[in-house]
Structures are given as structure tokens and as C-alpha cells.
Amino acid sequence: MAKMREIVDKHFYDNWVLPVYMGYIADLSFWWTSYKASRDALNNTLIQSNLKHCIKTYIRKLSKFNKKASELLLEGVLTEEFCLHNVSKLVDVIRECNVTVRWLML
């Protein structure tokens, strides 16, 4: 039980609906119902106070990334040279935007 709680707290504290393949998702709260330790560990993270905290965090991130995306999408900013020199920064922004939007949609 303690090991499962540690795994859930580390990897699934804010992400219990996982994309599997091209539009297919796995809802761990459904698939882990027959496993007592997993179900109990996940239910500890699905309490309302934790969900409210996650929602507030992702809404804050959404406004931050919306501003950042608006800055990057101005005419003439995303030139080939800019993209080549800032590829890691751009990939990080895109990844965080995708995670935030996906979480809020699910």
C-alpha cells in the first residue's frame, strides 16, 4: 500500500487520465478499481481540495502561456533563424501549453 501511494504521489498526483495512442485514453480511476492499493492511493489524490488546487494551478498556467504564445505568434517573430536558435525554448512552451490545455479539457 505504501509503495503504491508513493508511485501515485510521484507520477499521478495531477494526471490520472493518460493518453495511450492517438485519441485513446486510459482513466486510472476506472481501470484500477479492482486493485485495492492502487484504488485507495488514487482516491487520496482525487479529493476535492486537490482537484481545486490543480484547477487553479492550470488556469494560472493557461493565462501565462496564452500571453507567451501571443508574443511568439506576432508577425515576423517566428523566423527560421529565431526557431533554430531557440528550439528548446519553443518546444518547452509548446509542451507546457499542450499539457495545460489537455488537462483542462479532460
PDB file of N, CA and C in Angstrom:
ATOM      1  N   MET A   1       0.821  -1.199   0.000  1.00  0.00           N
ATOM      2  CA  MET A   1       0.000   0.000   0.000  1.00  0.00           C
ATOM      3  C   MET A   1       0.868   1.268   0.000  1.00  0.00           C
ATOM      4  N   ALA A   2       1.904   1.275   0.834  1.00  0.00           N
ATOM      5  CA  ALA A   2       2.771   2.455   0.914  1.00  0.00           C
ATOM      6  C   ALA A   2       3.523   2.673  -0.397  1.00  0.00           C
ATOM      7  N   LYS A   3       3.955   1.599  -1.025  1.00  0.00           N
ATOM      8  CA  LYS A   3       4.685   1.715  -2.288  1.00  0.00           C
ATOM      9  C   LYS A   3       3.780   2.288  -3.381  1.00  0.00           C
ATOM     10  N   MET A   4       2.547   1.815  -3.413  1.00  0.00           N
ATOM     11  CA  MET A   4       1.602   2.312  -4.418  1.00  0.00           C
ATOM     12  C   MET A   4       1.273   3.773  -4.175  1.00  0.00           C
ATOM     13  N   ARG A   5       1.144   4.160  -2.928  1.00  0.00           N
ATOM     14  CA  ARG A   5       0.878   5.558  -2.591  1.00  0.00           C
ATOM     15  C   ARG A   5       2.036   6.435  -3.053  1.00  0.00           C
ATOM     16  N   GLU A   6       3.245   5.949  -2.868  1.00  0.00           N
ATOM     17  CA  GLU A   6       4.432   6.693  -3.309  1.00  0.00           C
ATOM     18  C   GLU A   6       4.438   6.859  -4.832  1.00  0.00           C
ATOM     19  N   ILE A   7       4.083   5.801  -5.549  1.00  0.00           N
ATOM     20  CA  ILE A   7       4.048   5.857  -7.013  1.00  0.00           C
ATOM     21  C   ILE A   7       2.986   6.844  -7.484  1.00  0.00           C
ATOM     22  N   VAL A   8       1.810   6.773  -6.910  1.00  0.00           N
ATOM     23  CA  VAL A   8       0.726   7.676  -7.303  1.00  0.00           C
ATOM     24  C   VAL A   8       1.089   9.120  -6.970  1.00  0.00           C
ATOM     25  N   ASP A   9       1.624   9.359  -5.786  1.00  0.00           N
ATOM     26  CA  ASP A   9       2.004  10.720  -5.397  1.00  0.00           C
ATOM     27  C   ASP A   9       3.090  11.285  -6.302  1.00  0.00           C
ATOM     28  N   LYS A  10       3.960  10.437  -6.784  1.00  0.00           N
ATOM     29  CA  LYS A  10       5.070  10.896  -7.614  1.00  0.00           C
ATOM     30  C   LYS A  10       4.668  11.098  -9.077  1.00  0.00           C
ATOM     31  N   HIS A  11       3.864  10.174  -9.619  1.00  0.00           N
ATOM     32  CA  HIS A  11       3.599  10.200 -11.062  1.00  0.00           C
ATOM     33  C   HIS A  11       2.175  10.577 -11.457  1.00  0.00           C
ATOM     34  N   PHE A  12       1.201  10.360 -10.589  1.00  0.00           N
ATOM     35  CA  PHE A  12      -0.186  10.547 -10.992  1.00  0.00           C
ATOM     36  C   PHE A  12      -0.947  11.522 -10.101  1.00  0.00           C
ATOM     37  N   TYR A  13      -0.267  12.415  -9.414  1.00  0.00           N
ATOM     38  CA  TYR A  13      -0.948  13.341  -8.500  1.00  0.00           C
ATOM     39  C   TYR A  13      -1.858  14.312  -9.237  1.00  0.00           C
ATOM     40  N   ASP A  14      -1.554  14.610 -10.495  1.00  0.00           N
ATOM     41  CA  ASP A  14      -2.402  15.532 -11.255  1.00  0.00           C
ATOM     42  C   ASP A  14      -2.736  14.991 -12.640  1.00  0.00           C
ATOM     43  N   ASN A  15      -2.448  13.721 -12.875  1.00  0.00           N
ATOM     44  CA  ASN A  15      -2.618  13.181 -14.212  1.00  0.00           C
ATOM     45  C   ASN A  15      -3.064  11.732 -14.129  1.00  0.00           C
ATOM     46  N   TRP A  16      -4.350  11.498 -13.960  1.00  0.00           N
ATOM     47  CA  TRP A  16      -4.852  10.135 -13.826  1.00  0.00           C
ATOM     48  C   TRP A  16      -5.629   9.693 -15.056  1.00  0.00           C
ATOM     49  N   VAL A  17      -5.759  10.566 -16.052  1.00  0.00           N
ATOM     50  CA  VAL A  17      -6.314  10.198 -17.351  1.00  0.00           C
ATOM     51  C   VAL A  17      -5.160  10.294 -18.338  1.00  0.00           C
ATOM     52  N   LEU A  18      -4.712   9.146 -18.823  1.00  0.00           N
ATOM     53  CA  LEU A  18      -3.488   9.091 -19.614  1.00  0.00           C
ATOM     54  C   LEU A  18      -3.781   8.820 -21.081  1.00  0.00           C
ATOM     55  N   PRO A  19      -3.135   9.549 -21.987  1.00  0.00           N
ATOM     56  CA  PRO A  19      -3.277   9.226 -23.413  1.00  0.00           C
ATOM     57  C   PRO A  19      -2.492   7.951 -23.707  1.00  0.00           C
ATOM     58  N   VAL A  20      -3.122   7.042 -24.421  1.00  0.00           N
ATOM     59  CA  VAL A  20      -2.468   5.781 -24.740  1.00  0.00           C
ATOM     60  C   VAL A  20      -1.965   5.810 -26.172  1.00  0.00           C
ATOM     61  N   TYR A  21      -2.872   6.087 -27.101  1.00  0.00           N
ATOM     62  CA  TYR A  21      -2.475   6.103 -28.505  1.00  0.00           C
ATOM     63  C   TYR A  21      -3.514   6.853 -29.319  1.00  0.00           C
ATOM     64  N   MET A  22      -3.124   7.879 -29.997  1.00  0.00           N
ATOM     65  CA  MET A  22      -3.921   8.632 -30.963  1.00  0.00           C
ATOM     66  C   MET A  22      -5.401   8.742 -30.587  1.00  0.00           C
ATOM     67  N   GLY A  23      -5.687   9.425 -29.514  1.00  0.00           N
ATOM     68  CA  GLY A  23      -7.059   9.672 -29.119  1.00  0.00           C
ATOM     69  C   GLY A  23      -7.625   8.687 -28.121  1.00  0.00           C
ATOM     70  N   TYR A  24      -6.939   7.594 -27.889  1.00  0.00           N
ATOM     71  CA  TYR A  24      -7.377   6.630 -26.886  1.00  0.00           C
ATOM     72  C   TYR A  24      -6.797   7.032 -25.537  1.00  0.00           C
ATOM     73  N   ILE A  25      -7.635   6.994 -24.520  1.00  0.00           N
ATOM     74  CA  ILE A  25      -7.186   7.378 -23.192  1.00  0.00           C
ATOM     75  C   ILE A  25      -7.487   6.269 -22.198  1.00  0.00           C
ATOM     76  N   ALA A  26      -6.750   6.276 -21.110  1.00  0.00           N
ATOM     77  CA  ALA A  26      -6.988   5.335 -20.014  1.00  0.00           C
ATOM     78  C   ALA A  26      -7.256   6.135 -18.756  1.00  0.00           C
ATOM     79  N   ASP A  27      -8.432   5.958 -18.171  1.00  0.00           N
ATOM     80  CA  ASP A  27      -8.801   6.614 -16.927  1.00  0.00           C
ATOM     81  C   ASP A  27      -8.434   5.675 -15.780  1.00  0.00           C
ATOM     82  N   LEU A  28      -7.371   6.014 -15.057  1.00  0.00           N
ATOM     83  CA  LEU A  28      -6.878   5.133 -13.994  1.00  0.00           C
ATOM     84  C   LEU A  28      -7.895   4.957 -12.870  1.00  0.00           C
ATOM     85  N   SER A  29      -8.738   5.955 -12.649  1.00  0.00           N
ATOM     86  CA  SER A  29      -9.748   5.806 -11.597  1.00  0.00           C
ATOM     87  C   SER A  29     -10.745   4.700 -11.946  1.00  0.00           C
ATOM     88  N   PHE A  30     -10.897   4.391 -13.211  1.00  0.00           N
ATOM     89  CA  PHE A  30     -11.753   3.288 -13.648  1.00  0.00           C
ATOM     90  C   PHE A  30     -10.984   1.971 -13.711  1.00  0.00           C
ATOM     91  N   TRP A  31      -9.797   2.000 -14.344  1.00  0.00           N
ATOM     92  CA  TRP A  31      -9.050   0.765 -14.588  1.00  0.00           C
ATOM     93  C   TRP A  31      -8.416   0.188 -13.329  1.00  0.00           C
ATOM     94  N   TRP A  32      -8.219   0.985 -12.298  1.00  0.00           N
ATOM     95  CA  TRP A  32      -7.591   0.487 -11.077  1.00  0.00           C
ATOM     96  C   TRP A  32      -8.601   0.131  -9.982  1.00  0.00           C
ATOM     97  N   THR A  33      -9.885   0.088 -10.300  1.00  0.00           N
ATOM     98  CA  THR A  33     -10.887  -0.186  -9.259  1.00  0.00           C
ATOM     99  C   THR A  33     -10.750  -1.585  -8.661  1.00  0.00           C
ATOM    100  N   SER A  34     -10.263  -2.540  -9.395  1.00  0.00           N
ATOM    101  CA  SER A  34     -10.154  -3.905  -8.863  1.00  0.00           C
ATOM    102  C   SER A  34      -8.874  -4.121  -8.058  1.00  0.00           C
ATOM    103  N   TYR A  35      -7.997  -3.139  -8.011  1.00  0.00           N
ATOM    104  CA  TYR A  35      -6.741  -3.251  -7.259  1.00  0.00           C
ATOM    105  C   TYR A  35      -6.827  -2.333  -6.041  1.00  0.00           C
ATOM    106  N   LYS A  36      -6.983  -2.908  -4.889  1.00  0.00           N
ATOM    107  CA  LYS A  36      -7.266  -2.150  -3.662  1.00  0.00           C
ATOM    108  C   LYS A  36      -6.218  -1.087  -3.355  1.00  0.00           C
ATOM    109  N   ALA A  37      -4.949  -1.447  -3.354  1.00  0.00           N
ATOM    110  CA  ALA A  37      -3.891  -0.495  -3.017  1.00  0.00           C
ATOM    111  C   ALA A  37      -3.844   0.653  -4.028  1.00  0.00           C
ATOM    112  N   SER A  38      -3.978   0.317  -5.297  1.00  0.00           N
ATOM    113  CA  SER A  38      -3.954   1.345  -6.343  1.00  0.00           C
ATOM    114  C   SER A  38      -5.161   2.257  -6.236  1.00  0.00           C
ATOM    115  N   ARG A  39      -6.330   1.662  -6.056  1.00  0.00           N
ATOM    116  CA  ARG A  39      -7.564   2.442  -5.948  1.00  0.00           C
ATOM    117  C   ARG A  39      -7.506   3.387  -4.753  1.00  0.00           C
ATOM    118  N   ASP A  40      -7.070   2.882  -3.605  1.00  0.00           N
ATOM    119  CA  ASP A  40      -7.010   3.724  -2.404  1.00  0.00           C
ATOM    120  C   ASP A  40      -5.996   4.846  -2.556  1.00  0.00           C
ATOM    121  N   ALA A  41      -4.852   4.541  -3.157  1.00  0.00           N
ATOM    122  CA  ALA A  41      -3.828   5.568  -3.354  1.00  0.00           C
ATOM    123  C   ALA A  41      -4.322   6.646  -4.311  1.00  0.00           C
ATOM    124  N   LEU A  42      -5.001   6.233  -5.367  1.00  0.00           N
ATOM    125  CA  LEU A  42      -5.509   7.203  -6.328  1.00  0.00           C
ATOM    126  C   LEU A  42      -6.664   8.010  -5.750  1.00  0.00           C
ATOM    127  N   ASN A  43      -7.503   7.379  -4.952  1.00  0.00           N
ATOM    128  CA  ASN A  43      -8.618   8.100  -4.330  1.00  0.00           C
ATOM    129  C   ASN A  43      -8.129   9.195  -3.387  1.00  0.00           C
ATOM    130  N   ASN A  44      -6.964   9.011  -2.799  1.00  0.00           N
ATOM    131  CA  ASN A  44      -6.396  10.054  -1.941  1.00  0.00           C
ATOM    132  C   ASN A  44      -6.035  11.302  -2.736  1.00  0.00           C
ATOM    133  N   THR A  45      -5.691  11.131  -4.001  1.00  0.00           N
ATOM    134  CA  THR A  45      -5.352  12.291  -4.826  1.00  0.00           C
ATOM    135  C   THR A  45      -6.579  12.913  -5.476  1.00  0.00           C
ATOM    136  N   LEU A  46      -7.691  12.180  -5.524  1.00  0.00           N
ATOM    137  CA  LEU A  46      -8.892  12.678  -6.181  1.00  0.00           C
ATOM    138  C   LEU A  46      -9.849  13.400  -5.234  1.00  0.00           C
ATOM    139  N   ILE A  47      -9.349  13.816  -4.103  1.00  0.00           N
ATOM    140  CA  ILE A  47     -10.197  14.574  -3.176  1.00  0.00           C
ATOM    141  C   ILE A  47     -10.403  15.981  -3.733  1.00  0.00           C
ATOM    142  N   GLN A  48     -11.493  16.594  -3.334  1.00  0.00           N
ATOM    143  CA  GLN A  48     -11.899  17.865  -3.916  1.00  0.00           C
ATOM    144  C   GLN A  48     -10.864  18.977  -3.723  1.00  0.00           C
ATOM    145  N   SER A  49     -10.215  19.024  -2.574  1.00  0.00           N
ATOM    146  CA  SER A  49      -9.232  20.094  -2.346  1.00  0.00           C
ATOM    147  C   SER A  49      -8.050  19.976  -3.303  1.00  0.00           C
ATOM    148  N   ASN A  50      -7.626  18.752  -3.595  1.00  0.00           N
ATOM    149  CA  ASN A  50      -6.532  18.552  -4.541  1.00  0.00           C
ATOM    150  C   ASN A  50      -6.964  18.941  -5.952  1.00  0.00           C
ATOM    151  N   LEU A  51      -8.185  18.591  -6.312  1.00  0.00           N
ATOM    152  CA  LEU A  51      -8.681  18.948  -7.640  1.00  0.00           C
ATOM    153  C   LEU A  51      -8.781  20.464  -7.805  1.00  0.00           C
ATOM    154  N   LYS A  52      -9.246  21.162  -6.773  1.00  0.00           N
ATOM    155  CA  LYS A  52      -9.329  22.623  -6.836  1.00  0.00           C
ATOM    156  C   LYS A  52      -7.945  23.238  -6.987  1.00  0.00           C
ATOM    157  N   HIS A  53      -6.977  22.689  -6.270  1.00  0.00           N
ATOM    158  CA  HIS A  53      -5.604  23.191  -6.367  1.00  0.00           C
ATOM    159  C   HIS A  53      -5.076  22.992  -7.791  1.00  0.00           C
ATOM    160  N   CYS A  54      -5.309  21.820  -8.372  1.00  0.00           N
ATOM    161  CA  CYS A  54      -4.863  21.547  -9.745  1.00  0.00           C
ATOM    162  C   CYS A  54      -5.523  22.495 -10.736  1.00  0.00           C
ATOM    163  N   ILE A  55      -6.810  22.720 -10.577  1.00  0.00           N
ATOM    164  CA  ILE A  55      -7.527  23.607 -11.488  1.00  0.00           C
ATOM    165  C   ILE A  55      -6.973  25.024 -11.411  1.00  0.00           C
ATOM    166  N   LYS A  56      -6.761  25.530 -10.197  1.00  0.00           N
ATOM    167  CA  LYS A  56      -6.206  26.871 -10.043  1.00  0.00           C
ATOM    168  C   LYS A  56      -4.820  26.973 -10.661  1.00  0.00           C
ATOM    169  N   THR A  57      -4.005  25.945 -10.440  1.00  0.00           N
ATOM    170  CA  THR A  57      -2.650  25.939 -10.991  1.00  0.00           C
ATOM    171  C   THR A  57      -2.674  25.978 -12.513  1.00  0.00           C
ATOM    172  N   TYR A  58      -3.501  25.142 -13.119  1.00  0.00           N
ATOM    173  CA  TYR A  58      -3.534  25.088 -14.577  1.00  0.00           C
ATOM    174  C   TYR A  58      -4.203  26.311 -15.194  1.00  0.00           C
ATOM    175  N   ILE A  59      -5.144  26.918 -14.520  1.00  0.00           N
ATOM    176  CA  ILE A  59      -5.740  28.160 -15.037  1.00  0.00           C
ATOM    177  C   ILE A  59      -4.698  29.282 -15.005  1.00  0.00           C
ATOM    178  N   ARG A  60      -3.904  29.315 -13.938  1.00  0.00           N
ATOM    179  CA  ARG A  60      -2.821  30.293 -13.857  1.00  0.00           C
ATOM    180  C   ARG A  60      -1.816  30.058 -14.988  1.00  0.00           C
ATOM    181  N   LYS A  61      -1.467  28.787 -15.223  1.00  0.00           N
ATOM    182  CA  LYS A  61      -0.538  28.469 -16.307  1.00  0.00           C
ATOM    183  C   LYS A  61      -1.126  28.837 -17.661  1.00  0.00           C
ATOM    184  N   LEU A  62      -2.433  28.631 -17.827  1.00  0.00           N
ATOM    185  CA  LEU A  62      -3.075  28.934 -19.100  1.00  0.00           C
ATOM    186  C   LEU A  62      -2.938  30.404 -19.448  1.00  0.00           C
ATOM    187  N   SER A  63      -3.179  31.282 -18.492  1.00  0.00           N
ATOM    188  CA  SER A  63      -3.058  32.716 -18.783  1.00  0.00           C
ATOM    189  C   SER A  63      -1.605  33.088 -19.073  1.00  0.00           C
ATOM    190  N   LYS A  64      -0.662  32.449 -18.366  1.00  0.00           N
ATOM    191  CA  LYS A  64       0.758  32.723 -18.606  1.00  0.00           C
ATOM    192  C   LYS A  64       1.168  32.283 -20.008  1.00  0.00           C
ATOM    193  N   PHE A  65       0.752  31.077 -20.402  1.00  0.00           N
ATOM    194  CA  PHE A  65       1.145  30.571 -21.711  1.00  0.00           C
ATOM    195  C   PHE A  65       0.369  31.228 -22.841  1.00  0.00           C
ATOM    196  N   ASN A  66      -0.825  31.696 -22.570  1.00  0.00           N
ATOM    197  CA  ASN A  66      -1.577  32.435 -23.575  1.00  0.00           C
ATOM    198  C   ASN A  66      -0.837  33.724 -23.919  1.00  0.00           C
ATOM    199  N   LYS A  67      -0.324  34.400 -22.893  1.00  0.00           N
ATOM    200  CA  LYS A  67       0.457  35.626 -23.113  1.00  0.00           C
ATOM    201  C   LYS A  67       1.735  35.309 -23.884  1.00  0.00           C
ATOM    202  N   LYS A  68       2.423  34.230 -23.475  1.00  0.00           N
ATOM    203  CA  LYS A  68       3.676  33.855 -24.133  1.00  0.00           C
ATOM    204  C   LYS A  68       3.435  33.465 -25.590  1.00  0.00           C
ATOM    205  N   ALA A  69       2.366  32.718 -25.853  1.00  0.00           N
ATOM    206  CA  ALA A  69       2.051  32.319 -27.224  1.00  0.00           C
ATOM    207  C   ALA A  69       1.699  33.533 -28.076  1.00  0.00           C
ATOM    208  N   SER A  70       0.990  34.499 -27.498  1.00  0.00           N
ATOM    209  CA  SER A  70       0.642  35.718 -28.231  1.00  0.00           C
ATOM    210  C   SER A  70       1.899  36.485 -28.635  1.00  0.00           C
ATOM    211  N   GLU A  71       2.881  36.514 -27.751  1.00  0.00           N
ATOM    212  CA  GLU A  71       4.144  37.182 -28.069  1.00  0.00           C
ATOM    213  C   GLU A  71       4.875  36.480 -29.205  1.00  0.00           C
ATOM    214  N   LEU A  72       4.860  35.156 -29.183  1.00  0.00           N
ATOM    215  CA  LEU A  72       5.580  34.393 -30.202  1.00  0.00           C
ATOM    216  C   LEU A  72       4.875  34.395 -31.550  1.00  0.00           C
ATOM    217  N   LEU A  73       3.572  34.536 -31.549  1.00  0.00           N
ATOM    218  CA  LEU A  73       2.809  34.438 -32.789  1.00  0.00           C
ATOM    219  C   LEU A  73       2.606  35.768 -33.495  1.00  0.00           C
ATOM    220  N   LEU A  74       3.301  36.797 -33.055  1.00  0.00           N
ATOM    221  CA  LEU A  74       3.250  38.070 -33.769  1.00  0.00           C
ATOM    222  C   LEU A  74       3.940  37.924 -35.126  1.00  0.00           C
ATOM    223  N   GLU A  75       3.488  38.699 -36.071  1.00  0.00           N
ATOM    224  CA  GLU A  75       4.037  38.650 -37.419  1.00  0.00           C
ATOM    225  C   GLU A  75       5.536  38.949 -37.404  1.00  0.00           C
ATOM    226  N   GLY A  76       6.331  38.068 -37.969  1.00  0.00           N
ATOM    227  CA  GLY A  76       7.765  38.270 -38.105  1.00  0.00           C
ATOM    228  C   GLY A  76       8.604  37.745 -36.957  1.00  0.00           C
ATOM    229  N   VAL A  77       8.010  37.215 -35.900  1.00  0.00           N
ATOM    230  CA  VAL A  77       8.788  36.723 -34.760  1.00  0.00           C
ATOM    231  C   VAL A  77       9.352  35.328 -35.043  1.00  0.00           C
ATOM    232  N   LEU A  78       8.533  34.448 -35.556  1.00  0.00           N
ATOM    233  CA  LEU A  78       8.957  33.064 -35.766  1.00  0.00           C
ATOM    234  C   LEU A  78       9.639  32.888 -37.117  1.00  0.00           C
ATOM    235  N   THR A  79      10.781  33.520 -37.235  1.00  0.00           N
ATOM    236  CA  THR A  79      11.575  33.336 -38.447  1.00  0.00           C
ATOM    237  C   THR A  79      12.364  32.038 -38.325  1.00  0.00           C
ATOM    238  N   GLU A  80      12.898  31.592 -39.423  1.00  0.00           N
ATOM    239  CA  GLU A  80      13.676  30.346 -39.423  1.00  0.00           C
ATOM    240  C   GLU A  80      14.877  30.456 -38.489  1.00  0.00           C
ATOM    241  N   GLU A  81      15.545  31.578 -38.515  1.00  0.00           N
ATOM    242  CA  GLU A  81      16.722  31.775 -37.656  1.00  0.00           C
ATOM    243  C   GLU A  81      16.339  31.778 -36.174  1.00  0.00           C
ATOM    244  N   PHE A  82      15.244  32.476 -35.837  1.00  0.00           N
ATOM    245  CA  PHE A  82      14.784  32.523 -34.452  1.00  0.00           C
ATOM    246  C   PHE A  82      14.440  31.124 -33.956  1.00  0.00           C
ATOM    247  N   CYS A  83      13.740  30.363 -34.780  1.00  0.00           N
ATOM    248  CA  CYS A  83      13.346  29.000 -34.390  1.00  0.00           C
ATOM    249  C   CYS A  83      14.551  28.096 -34.199  1.00  0.00           C
ATOM    250  N   LEU A  84      15.541  28.214 -35.067  1.00  0.00           N
ATOM    251  CA  LEU A  84      16.743  27.381 -34.946  1.00  0.00           C
ATOM    252  C   LEU A  84      17.539  27.708 -33.691  1.00  0.00           C
ATOM    253  N   HIS A  85      17.614  28.973 -33.329  1.00  0.00           N
ATOM    254  CA  HIS A  85      18.383  29.375 -32.151  1.00  0.00           C
ATOM    255  C   HIS A  85      17.631  29.151 -30.838  1.00  0.00           C
ATOM    256  N   ASN A  86      16.310  29.073 -30.886  1.00  0.00           N
ATOM    257  CA  ASN A  86      15.500  28.951 -29.668  1.00  0.00           C
ATOM    258  C   ASN A  86      14.626  27.700 -29.661  1.00  0.00           C
ATOM    259  N   VAL A  87      15.095  26.639 -30.290  1.00  0.00           N
ATOM    260  CA  VAL A  87      14.262  25.446 -30.445  1.00  0.00           C
ATOM    261  C   VAL A  87      13.884  24.832 -29.096  1.00  0.00           C
ATOM    262  N   SER A  88      14.794  24.773 -28.149  1.00  0.00           N
ATOM    263  CA  SER A  88      14.468  24.155 -26.858  1.00  0.00           C
ATOM    264  C   SER A  88      13.444  24.999 -26.093  1.00  0.00           C
ATOM    265  N   LYS A  89      13.579  26.313 -26.172  1.00  0.00           N
ATOM    266  CA  LYS A  89      12.620  27.215 -25.522  1.00  0.00           C
ATOM    267  C   LYS A  89      11.233  27.066 -26.147  1.00  0.00           C
ATOM    268  N   LEU A  90      11.182  26.996 -27.472  1.00  0.00           N
ATOM    269  CA  LEU A  90       9.901  26.855 -28.165  1.00  0.00           C
ATOM    270  C   LEU A  90       9.247  25.512 -27.871  1.00  0.00           C
ATOM    271  N   VAL A  91      10.026  24.452 -27.847  1.00  0.00           N
ATOM    272  CA  VAL A  91       9.485  23.124 -27.554  1.00  0.00           C
ATOM    273  C   VAL A  91       8.952  23.076 -26.123  1.00  0.00           C
ATOM    274  N   ASP A  92       9.655  23.700 -25.188  1.00  0.00           N
ATOM    275  CA  ASP A  92       9.179  23.740 -23.800  1.00  0.00           C
ATOM    276  C   ASP A  92       7.848  24.479 -23.684  1.00  0.00           C
ATOM    277  N   VAL A  93       7.725  25.607 -24.382  1.00  0.00           N
ATOM    278  CA  VAL A  93       6.479  26.371 -24.343  1.00  0.00           C
ATOM    279  C   VAL A  93       5.344  25.558 -24.965  1.00  0.00           C
ATOM    280  N   ILE A  94       5.605  24.920 -26.088  1.00  0.00           N
ATOM    281  CA  ILE A  94       4.576  24.116 -26.756  1.00  0.00           C
ATOM    282  C   ILE A  94       4.161  22.942 -25.882  1.00  0.00           C
ATOM    283  N   ARG A  95       5.121  22.271 -25.269  1.00  0.00           N
ATOM    284  CA  ARG A  95       4.823  21.118 -24.413  1.00  0.00           C
ATOM    285  C   ARG A  95       3.971  21.543 -23.214  1.00  0.00           C
ATOM    286  N   GLU A  96       4.357  22.613 -22.549  1.00  0.00           N
ATOM    287  CA  GLU A  96       3.598  23.086 -21.392  1.00  0.00           C
ATOM    288  C   GLU A  96       2.205  23.561 -21.782  1.00  0.00           C
ATOM    289  N   CYS A  97       2.085  24.225 -22.923  1.00  0.00           N
ATOM    290  CA  CYS A  97       0.765  24.636 -23.407  1.00  0.00           C
ATOM    291  C   CYS A  97      -0.106  23.415 -23.661  1.00  0.00           C
ATOM    292  N   ASN A  98       0.440  22.402 -24.307  1.00  0.00           N
ATOM    293  CA  ASN A  98      -0.330  21.199 -24.607  1.00  0.00           C
ATOM    294  C   ASN A  98      -0.767  20.479 -23.335  1.00  0.00           C
ATOM    295  N   VAL A  99       0.123  20.363 -22.360  1.00  0.00           N
ATOM    296  CA  VAL A  99      -0.223  19.699 -21.105  1.00  0.00           C
ATOM    297  C   VAL A  99      -1.325  20.461 -20.382  1.00  0.00           C
ATOM    298  N   THR A 100      -1.206  21.778 -20.346  1.00  0.00           N
ATOM    299  CA  THR A 100      -2.191  22.602 -19.658  1.00  0.00           C
ATOM    300  C   THR A 100      -3.559  22.515 -20.323  1.00  0.00           C
ATOM    301  N   VAL A 101      -3.611  22.664 -21.622  1.00  0.00           N
ATOM    302  CA  VAL A 101      -4.880  22.618 -22.341  1.00  0.00           C
ATOM    303  C   VAL A 101      -5.493  21.227 -22.248  1.00  0.00           C
ATOM    304  N   ARG A 102      -4.667  20.189 -22.395  1.00  0.00           N
ATOM    305  CA  ARG A 102      -5.184  18.816 -22.299  1.00  0.00           C
ATOM    306  C   ARG A 102      -5.771  18.548 -20.920  1.00  0.00           C
ATOM    307  N   TRP A 103      -5.093  19.002 -19.865  1.00  0.00           N
ATOM    308  CA  TRP A 103      -5.593  18.784 -18.513  1.00  0.00           C
ATOM    309  C   TRP A 103      -6.928  19.484 -18.300  1.00  0.00           C
ATOM    310  N   LEU A 104      -7.020  20.721 -18.751  1.00  0.00           N
ATOM    311  CA  LEU A 104      -8.259  21.472 -18.563  1.00  0.00           C
ATOM    312  C   LEU A 104      -9.403  20.895 -19.399  1.00  0.00           C
ATOM    313  N   MET A 105      -9.099  20.344 -20.562  1.00  0.00           N
ATOM    314  CA  MET A 105     -10.146  19.739 -21.384  1.00  0.00           C
ATOM    315  C   MET A 105     -10.644  18.428 -20.768  1.00  0.00           C
ATOM    316  N   LEU A 106      -9.756  17.649 -20.199  1.00  0.00           N
ATOM    317  CA  LEU A 106     -10.167  16.381 -19.608  1.00  0.00           C
ATOM    318  C   LEU A 106     -10.860  16.617 -18.298  1.00  0.00           C
TER     319      LEU A 106
END
